[in-house]
Amino acid sequence: MKATQTRKTIPGKSSIRRPIVVAGPCSAESPEQLMKTATILAATGHVDYFRAGIWKPRTAPGSFEGMGTQALRWLQQVSQTTGLKTATEVASVRHVEEALKHNLDMLWIGARTVSNPFLVQDIADTLQGTGVRVMVKNPMAPDPDLWSGSIERFKKAGLKEICAIHRGFSYWTKSLFRNQPWWHIPMMLKERMPDVPVLCDPSHITGDHRLVPMVAHRGLEMGMDGLMVEVHPQPAKALSDASQQLTPVAFVRLIKQLFGENPGEDKAASNILEELRAEVDVMDDLLIWALTNRMKLSGEIAGVKTTHNMKPLQPERWKQVISKVLTKGREAGLRRGFIEKLFDDIHHESLSVQQPSNIRPQNNSGIHPTFAI
């Protein structure tokens, strides 16, 4: 008999609804692998949907791209045996049609697909009139409009059960995470669409099973409505994304921590602090990148000025710059004095690239409007 999954309350916090939990391997590899994992996950009583990738989008041809339609039958068997509802990723109309034939309960739209409005619309049209639940991952780029626009396409197709998944955003250099969380973007989505639950995918954000608990805690602390976590019976032997998948034992331990059976509050606080510091490190990387490129531009500007016998000091340009950044700083809630000092130092350094011997004159405002690049 198929068990009914319910949203239980967190022990000791009766007013708080338990988040939705989606868990399972990155990819379906064999019927035995799926059944072994699903049996353990079902026993926790906390998993609402069993996930497994059937078609895997891969950058390079020839790499493992999933087991295809045959694995949908494996998912059907999992559902019949364990009572878990099942979910997989779809990236085309054909994928949707095959998944519906095999009675999957939920489909998710991956980050690459979400970035293509034509594909999203085709999938939404195909799902029109069905009762299947849809989860929409954020696009690769940190574009809240593209994300919310994709969700709107499913809403206009008449679908009622829609979730968003925060799986992080692409970043051009290495950091602690595989994909940057940029938490303000899912928070923006929640403000725009308060009726759409947002789940956190710590597996794809971190790319590292050791960091998954830390980001899972952070996601719930941020008010996320659930989690999507990758779990594999032998992660080291996984055919895709081996480094980011939890063992079933590690997943059970995480669930116990999250839902009060083994809170570990001090450890959770330490994890959140570590995650916040990791985000600060990423922001510092961004600052260094921005400053480096700004100074390179200053050097190019110096070359243009020298070639055309232009004065290095251009007061009107500086007035435009400082007026713009002060306005933007005020809108962002930053102190005027902080912005003035920061850009005064940046400007002086830019001028030193152009004319190292310059000495900055002062004016009555305390900043240096005679310098400009």
Protein backbone atom coordinates (compact mmCIF):
# COMPACT_ATOMS: atom_id res chain seq x y z
CA MET A 1 0.00 0.00 0.00
CA LYS A 2 1.33 3.44 -0.92
CA ALA A 3 2.11 5.57 2.11
CA THR A 4 0.87 9.15 2.32
CA GLN A 5 3.55 11.76 2.89
CA THR A 6 2.49 14.64 5.13
CA ARG A 7 4.08 17.91 6.19
CA LYS A 8 4.68 17.25 9.87
CA THR A 9 5.39 19.89 12.45
CA ILE A 10 8.86 20.23 13.92
CA PRO A 11 8.95 18.69 17.43
CA GLY A 12 8.59 21.38 20.07
CA LYS A 13 7.63 23.98 17.47
CA SER A 14 4.02 23.16 16.68
CA SER A 15 3.42 26.40 14.80
CA ILE A 16 6.19 25.68 12.27
CA ARG A 17 5.41 23.45 9.31
CA ARG A 18 8.05 20.92 8.36
CA PRO A 19 9.81 21.86 5.13
CA ILE A 20 9.34 19.82 1.96
CA VAL A 21 12.19 17.35 1.51
CA VAL A 22 13.22 16.00 -1.90
CA ALA A 23 16.08 13.48 -1.79
CA GLY A 24 17.72 10.80 -3.88
CA PRO A 25 20.71 10.15 -6.13
CA CYS A 26 21.93 12.61 -8.73
CA SER A 27 21.35 9.94 -11.40
CA ALA A 28 19.43 6.72 -11.67
CA GLU A 29 22.13 4.12 -12.34
CA SER A 30 20.41 0.80 -11.70
CA PRO A 31 17.14 -0.51 -10.21
CA GLU A 32 19.11 -1.89 -7.26
CA GLN A 33 20.78 1.46 -6.55
CA LEU A 34 17.43 3.28 -6.60
CA MET A 35 15.61 0.76 -4.43
CA LYS A 36 18.40 0.58 -1.84
CA THR A 37 18.49 4.35 -1.49
CA ALA A 38 14.72 4.82 -1.54
CA THR A 39 14.13 2.19 1.16
CA ILE A 40 16.42 4.03 3.57
CA LEU A 41 14.97 7.43 2.73
CA ALA A 42 11.40 6.23 3.13
CA ALA A 43 12.22 4.86 6.59
CA THR A 44 13.13 8.35 7.84
CA GLY A 45 9.52 9.48 7.45
CA HIS A 46 10.77 12.90 6.35
CA VAL A 47 11.17 12.51 2.58
CA ASP A 48 8.28 13.77 0.47
CA TYR A 49 9.71 13.05 -2.98
CA PHE A 50 12.36 10.63 -4.20
CA ARG A 51 14.48 12.29 -6.89
CA ALA A 52 16.71 10.77 -9.55
CA GLY A 53 18.04 12.15 -12.82
CA ILE A 54 17.02 10.14 -15.89
CA TRP A 55 18.37 12.43 -18.60
CA LYS A 56 21.54 14.23 -17.53
CA PRO A 57 22.59 17.42 -19.34
CA ARG A 58 26.35 17.28 -19.75
CA THR A 59 28.71 19.84 -21.26
CA ALA A 60 30.96 17.34 -23.05
CA PRO A 61 29.57 14.66 -25.39
CA GLY A 62 30.46 11.12 -24.47
CA SER A 63 30.11 11.62 -20.72
CA PHE A 64 27.37 9.88 -18.74
CA GLU A 65 24.05 11.36 -19.86
CA GLY A 66 21.68 9.21 -17.86
CA MET A 67 19.96 5.85 -18.33
CA GLY A 68 17.02 7.30 -20.23
CA THR A 69 13.44 6.07 -20.41
CA GLN A 70 14.15 2.62 -18.97
CA ALA A 71 14.95 4.26 -15.61
CA LEU A 72 11.43 5.67 -15.43
CA ARG A 73 10.22 2.10 -14.91
CA TRP A 74 12.68 1.80 -12.02
CA LEU A 75 11.18 4.90 -10.45
CA GLN A 76 7.71 3.43 -10.83
CA GLN A 77 8.86 0.35 -8.94
CA VAL A 78 10.34 2.54 -6.20
CA SER A 79 7.02 4.31 -5.78
CA GLN A 80 5.02 1.09 -5.68
CA THR A 81 7.36 -0.55 -3.15
CA THR A 82 8.21 2.30 -0.77
CA GLY A 83 5.24 4.64 -1.13
CA LEU A 84 7.51 7.57 -1.98
CA LYS A 85 6.42 10.02 -4.63
CA THR A 86 8.91 10.35 -7.47
CA ALA A 87 10.54 13.24 -9.34
CA THR A 88 12.96 13.73 -12.22
CA GLU A 89 14.34 16.50 -14.42
CA VAL A 90 12.83 17.17 -17.85
CA ALA A 91 14.43 19.29 -20.55
CA SER A 92 12.21 18.70 -23.59
CA VAL A 93 8.66 17.91 -24.63
CA ARG A 94 9.68 14.28 -25.21
CA HIS A 95 11.00 14.02 -21.65
CA VAL A 96 7.72 15.37 -20.31
CA GLU A 97 5.62 12.96 -22.35
CA GLU A 98 7.70 9.97 -21.22
CA ALA A 99 7.58 11.03 -17.57
CA LEU A 100 3.79 11.47 -17.67
CA LYS A 101 3.37 8.01 -19.23
CA HIS A 102 5.19 6.58 -16.23
CA ASN A 103 3.10 8.51 -13.69
CA LEU A 104 5.84 10.54 -12.06
CA ASP A 105 4.49 12.86 -9.37
CA MET A 106 6.81 15.82 -9.86
CA LEU A 107 9.06 17.18 -12.60
CA TRP A 108 11.77 19.78 -12.27
CA ILE A 109 13.17 22.17 -14.83
CA GLY A 110 16.96 22.45 -14.69
CA ALA A 111 19.08 25.59 -14.69
CA ARG A 112 20.13 25.24 -18.32
CA THR A 113 16.55 24.75 -19.49
CA VAL A 114 15.21 27.64 -17.42
CA SER A 115 17.65 29.89 -19.28
CA ASN A 116 15.79 29.16 -22.55
CA PRO A 117 12.27 30.69 -22.57
CA PHE A 118 11.33 28.82 -25.76
CA LEU A 119 11.97 25.45 -24.13
CA VAL A 120 10.18 26.50 -20.95
CA GLN A 121 7.12 27.55 -22.92
CA ASP A 122 7.04 24.26 -24.87
CA ILE A 123 7.23 22.30 -21.61
CA ALA A 124 4.56 24.46 -19.98
CA ASP A 125 2.24 23.94 -22.95
CA THR A 126 2.78 20.18 -22.78
CA LEU A 127 1.96 20.11 -19.05
CA GLN A 128 -1.21 22.17 -19.44
CA GLY A 129 -4.17 20.35 -17.96
CA THR A 130 -2.09 17.89 -15.93
CA GLY A 131 -1.97 17.77 -12.15
CA VAL A 132 1.75 17.12 -11.95
CA ARG A 133 3.80 19.28 -9.61
CA VAL A 134 6.59 21.34 -11.15
CA MET A 135 9.80 22.65 -9.61
CA VAL A 136 11.72 25.41 -11.40
CA LYS A 137 15.42 25.78 -10.68
CA ASN A 138 17.05 29.18 -10.87
CA PRO A 139 18.90 29.94 -14.14
CA MET A 140 22.67 29.73 -14.34
CA ALA A 141 22.98 33.52 -14.31
CA PRO A 142 21.80 35.55 -11.28
CA ASP A 143 18.73 36.84 -13.15
CA PRO A 144 15.61 37.01 -10.95
CA ASP A 145 13.48 38.17 -13.90
CA LEU A 146 14.35 35.08 -15.94
CA TRP A 147 13.56 32.86 -12.95
CA SER A 148 10.21 34.46 -12.11
CA GLY A 149 9.35 34.65 -15.83
CA SER A 150 9.77 30.89 -16.17
CA ILE A 151 7.50 30.30 -13.18
CA GLU A 152 4.90 32.65 -14.69
CA ARG A 153 4.83 30.52 -17.85
CA PHE A 154 3.77 27.49 -15.81
CA LYS A 155 1.21 29.53 -13.90
CA LYS A 156 -0.32 30.75 -17.16
CA ALA A 157 -0.50 27.13 -18.33
CA GLY A 158 -2.86 26.52 -15.41
CA LEU A 159 -0.46 24.56 -13.20
CA LYS A 160 -1.22 25.05 -9.50
CA GLU A 161 1.52 23.05 -7.77
CA ILE A 162 4.72 25.00 -8.49
CA CYS A 163 7.92 25.27 -6.43
CA ALA A 164 11.17 27.12 -7.06
CA ILE A 165 14.58 25.59 -6.35
CA HIS A 166 17.55 27.70 -5.33
CA ARG A 167 20.61 25.81 -6.62
CA GLY A 168 23.07 28.72 -6.74
CA PHE A 169 24.54 30.72 -9.61
CA SER A 170 27.56 30.37 -11.86
CA TYR A 171 30.69 32.28 -10.85
CA TRP A 172 33.74 32.85 -13.05
CA THR A 173 36.41 31.85 -10.56
CA LYS A 174 36.93 29.20 -7.92
CA SER A 175 35.56 29.64 -4.41
CA LEU A 176 34.34 27.49 -1.55
CA PHE A 177 31.15 26.71 -3.46
CA ARG A 178 30.40 25.11 -6.81
CA ASN A 179 27.65 27.70 -7.37
CA GLN A 180 27.30 30.95 -5.44
CA PRO A 181 24.21 31.13 -3.22
CA TRP A 182 23.57 34.89 -3.58
CA TRP A 183 20.78 34.53 -1.01
CA HIS A 184 19.25 37.90 -1.84
CA ILE A 185 17.97 36.56 -5.18
CA PRO A 186 15.76 33.75 -3.77
CA MET A 187 14.63 36.22 -1.10
CA MET A 188 13.64 38.60 -3.90
CA LEU A 189 11.70 35.77 -5.57
CA LYS A 190 9.86 35.02 -2.32
CA GLU A 191 8.82 38.67 -2.10
CA ARG A 192 7.62 38.69 -5.69
CA MET A 193 5.83 35.34 -5.49
CA PRO A 194 4.86 34.64 -1.87
CA ASP A 195 2.60 31.80 -3.00
CA VAL A 196 5.51 29.85 -4.54
CA PRO A 197 7.52 27.70 -2.10
CA VAL A 198 11.29 28.01 -2.53
CA LEU A 199 13.47 24.98 -1.82
CA CYS A 200 17.23 25.10 -1.24
CA ASP A 201 19.50 22.68 -3.13
CA PRO A 202 22.66 22.56 -0.97
CA SER A 203 24.15 19.77 -3.08
CA HIS A 204 24.49 21.94 -6.18
CA ILE A 205 25.34 25.10 -4.26
CA THR A 206 28.28 23.48 -2.50
CA GLY A 207 29.44 20.74 -4.86
CA ASP A 208 30.93 19.14 -1.74
CA HIS A 209 29.13 16.69 0.56
CA ARG A 210 31.06 18.06 3.55
CA LEU A 211 29.45 21.47 3.10
CA VAL A 212 25.90 20.26 2.41
CA PRO A 213 24.75 20.28 6.08
CA MET A 214 26.10 23.80 6.57
CA VAL A 215 24.17 25.23 3.60
CA ALA A 216 21.07 23.16 4.37
CA HIS A 217 20.95 24.75 7.82
CA ARG A 218 21.53 28.18 6.32
CA GLY A 219 18.78 27.70 3.77
CA LEU A 220 16.22 26.90 6.44
CA GLU A 221 17.49 29.76 8.60
CA MET A 222 16.87 32.03 5.62
CA GLY A 223 13.25 30.91 5.47
CA MET A 224 13.43 28.39 2.64
CA ASP A 225 10.40 26.12 2.38
CA GLY A 226 12.31 22.89 1.89
CA LEU A 227 15.40 21.09 0.65
CA MET A 228 16.52 19.07 -2.34
CA VAL A 229 19.47 16.88 -1.32
CA GLU A 230 21.41 14.32 -3.35
CA VAL A 231 21.90 10.94 -1.64
CA HIS A 232 23.74 7.91 -3.05
CA PRO A 233 24.50 4.54 -1.40
CA GLN A 234 28.13 4.72 -2.60
CA PRO A 235 28.91 8.32 -3.61
CA ALA A 236 32.52 7.55 -4.55
CA LYS A 237 31.24 5.22 -7.28
CA ALA A 238 28.50 7.55 -8.56
CA LEU A 239 28.41 8.10 -12.32
CA SER A 240 27.70 11.82 -11.89
CA ASP A 241 28.43 14.50 -9.28
CA ALA A 242 30.07 12.04 -6.88
CA SER A 243 31.60 14.72 -4.66
CA GLN A 244 28.34 16.40 -3.67
CA GLN A 245 26.20 13.40 -2.71
CA LEU A 246 25.60 12.33 0.88
CA THR A 247 25.60 8.73 2.01
CA PRO A 248 22.25 7.56 3.40
CA VAL A 249 23.79 7.54 6.89
CA ALA A 250 24.92 11.17 6.52
CA PHE A 251 21.49 12.15 5.21
CA VAL A 252 19.72 10.53 8.15
CA ARG A 253 22.06 12.36 10.54
CA LEU A 254 21.28 15.65 8.79
CA ILE A 255 17.53 15.03 8.99
CA LYS A 256 17.78 14.35 12.71
CA GLN A 257 19.64 17.61 13.21
CA LEU A 258 17.21 19.61 11.10
CA PHE A 259 14.02 18.26 12.62
CA GLY A 260 14.93 18.31 16.28
CA GLU A 261 15.76 14.69 17.01
CA ASN A 262 19.42 15.65 17.44
CA PRO A 263 19.48 19.44 17.16
CA GLY A 264 23.20 20.10 17.64
CA GLU A 265 22.43 23.81 17.96
CA ASP A 266 25.98 24.90 18.76
CA LYS A 267 27.33 23.07 15.73
CA ALA A 268 24.60 24.54 13.54
CA ALA A 269 25.51 28.06 14.68
CA SER A 270 29.17 27.38 13.94
CA ASN A 271 28.26 26.06 10.49
CA ILE A 272 26.22 29.16 9.69
CA LEU A 273 29.11 31.38 10.76
CA GLU A 274 31.47 29.41 8.53
CA GLU A 275 29.08 29.74 5.58
CA LEU A 276 28.72 33.49 6.13
CA ARG A 277 32.50 33.88 6.24
CA ALA A 278 32.75 31.88 3.02
CA GLU A 279 30.35 34.31 1.39
CA VAL A 280 32.46 37.23 2.64
CA ASP A 281 35.49 35.59 1.03
CA VAL A 282 33.63 35.43 -2.28
CA MET A 283 32.66 39.09 -1.99
CA ASP A 284 36.30 39.97 -1.29
CA ASP A 285 37.27 38.09 -4.46
CA LEU A 286 34.72 40.15 -6.36
CA LEU A 287 36.09 43.38 -4.91
CA ILE A 288 39.67 42.49 -5.91
CA TRP A 289 38.49 41.50 -9.40
CA ALA A 290 36.56 44.78 -9.80
CA LEU A 291 39.44 46.91 -8.50
CA THR A 292 41.98 45.13 -10.70
CA ASN A 293 39.92 45.69 -13.81
CA ARG A 294 39.19 49.30 -12.85
CA MET A 295 42.92 49.99 -12.59
CA LYS A 296 43.53 48.33 -15.96
CA LEU A 297 40.93 50.67 -17.46
CA SER A 298 42.71 53.60 -15.81
CA GLY A 299 45.89 52.58 -17.58
CA GLU A 300 44.09 52.44 -20.92
CA ILE A 301 42.56 55.89 -20.27
CA ALA A 302 46.04 57.22 -19.49
CA GLY A 303 47.23 55.94 -22.86
CA VAL A 304 44.40 57.70 -24.69
CA LYS A 305 45.06 60.98 -22.85
CA THR A 306 48.78 60.84 -23.60
CA THR A 307 48.22 60.05 -27.27
CA HIS A 308 45.80 62.95 -27.70
CA ASN A 309 47.61 65.43 -25.43
CA MET A 310 44.70 65.59 -22.99
CA LYS A 311 44.98 66.86 -19.43
CA PRO A 312 45.07 64.06 -16.84
CA LEU A 313 42.94 66.09 -14.40
CA GLN A 314 39.30 66.57 -15.46
CA PRO A 315 37.16 68.09 -12.67
CA GLU A 316 33.80 67.76 -14.43
CA ARG A 317 34.27 64.04 -14.93
CA TRP A 318 35.02 63.57 -11.23
CA LYS A 319 31.90 65.50 -10.25
CA GLN A 320 29.84 63.12 -12.37
CA VAL A 321 31.51 60.07 -10.83
CA ILE A 322 31.15 61.12 -7.20
CA SER A 323 27.57 62.29 -7.71
CA LYS A 324 26.62 58.95 -9.23
CA VAL A 325 28.30 56.76 -6.60
CA LEU A 326 26.96 58.85 -3.71
CA THR A 327 23.44 58.47 -5.07
CA LYS A 328 23.83 54.74 -5.54
CA GLY A 329 25.40 54.41 -2.10
CA ARG A 330 22.54 56.27 -0.47
CA GLU A 331 19.99 54.07 -2.26
CA ALA A 332 21.88 51.00 -1.03
CA GLY A 333 21.91 52.26 2.57
CA LEU A 334 25.67 52.92 2.72
CA ARG A 335 27.13 55.83 4.71
CA ARG A 336 28.07 58.89 2.66
CA GLY A 337 31.42 59.26 4.45
CA PHE A 338 32.33 55.64 3.68
CA ILE A 339 31.58 56.05 -0.03
CA GLU A 340 33.46 59.36 -0.22
CA LYS A 341 36.58 57.91 1.43
CA LEU A 342 36.44 54.70 -0.60
CA PHE A 343 36.17 56.42 -3.96
CA ASP A 344 38.66 59.09 -3.03
CA ASP A 345 41.22 56.33 -2.43
CA ILE A 346 40.21 54.50 -5.61
CA HIS A 347 40.45 57.72 -7.58
CA HIS A 348 43.86 58.61 -6.18
CA GLU A 349 45.14 55.14 -7.06
CA SER A 350 43.70 55.48 -10.57
CA LEU A 351 45.51 58.79 -11.01
CA SER A 352 48.76 57.30 -9.78
CA VAL A 353 48.50 54.85 -12.67
CA GLN A 354 48.15 57.80 -15.05
CA GLN A 355 50.51 60.26 -13.36
CA PRO A 356 52.41 58.77 -10.39
CA SER A 357 53.86 62.10 -9.29
CA ASN A 358 50.48 63.73 -8.70
CA ILE A 359 49.84 65.18 -5.27
CA ARG A 360 46.20 65.50 -4.29
CA PRO A 361 45.01 69.06 -3.50
CA GLN A 362 42.21 69.41 -0.98
CA ASN A 363 39.02 71.39 -1.36
CA ASN A 364 36.41 72.55 1.13
CA SER A 365 34.36 69.36 0.89
CA GLY A 366 37.24 67.20 2.10
CA ILE A 367 37.26 65.20 -1.14
CA HIS A 368 39.21 65.85 -4.33
CA PRO A 369 37.01 66.92 -7.24
CA THR A 370 39.99 68.15 -9.32
CA PHE A 371 40.97 64.56 -10.12
CA ALA A 372 39.12 62.55 -12.72
CA ILE A 373 39.77 59.70 -15.09
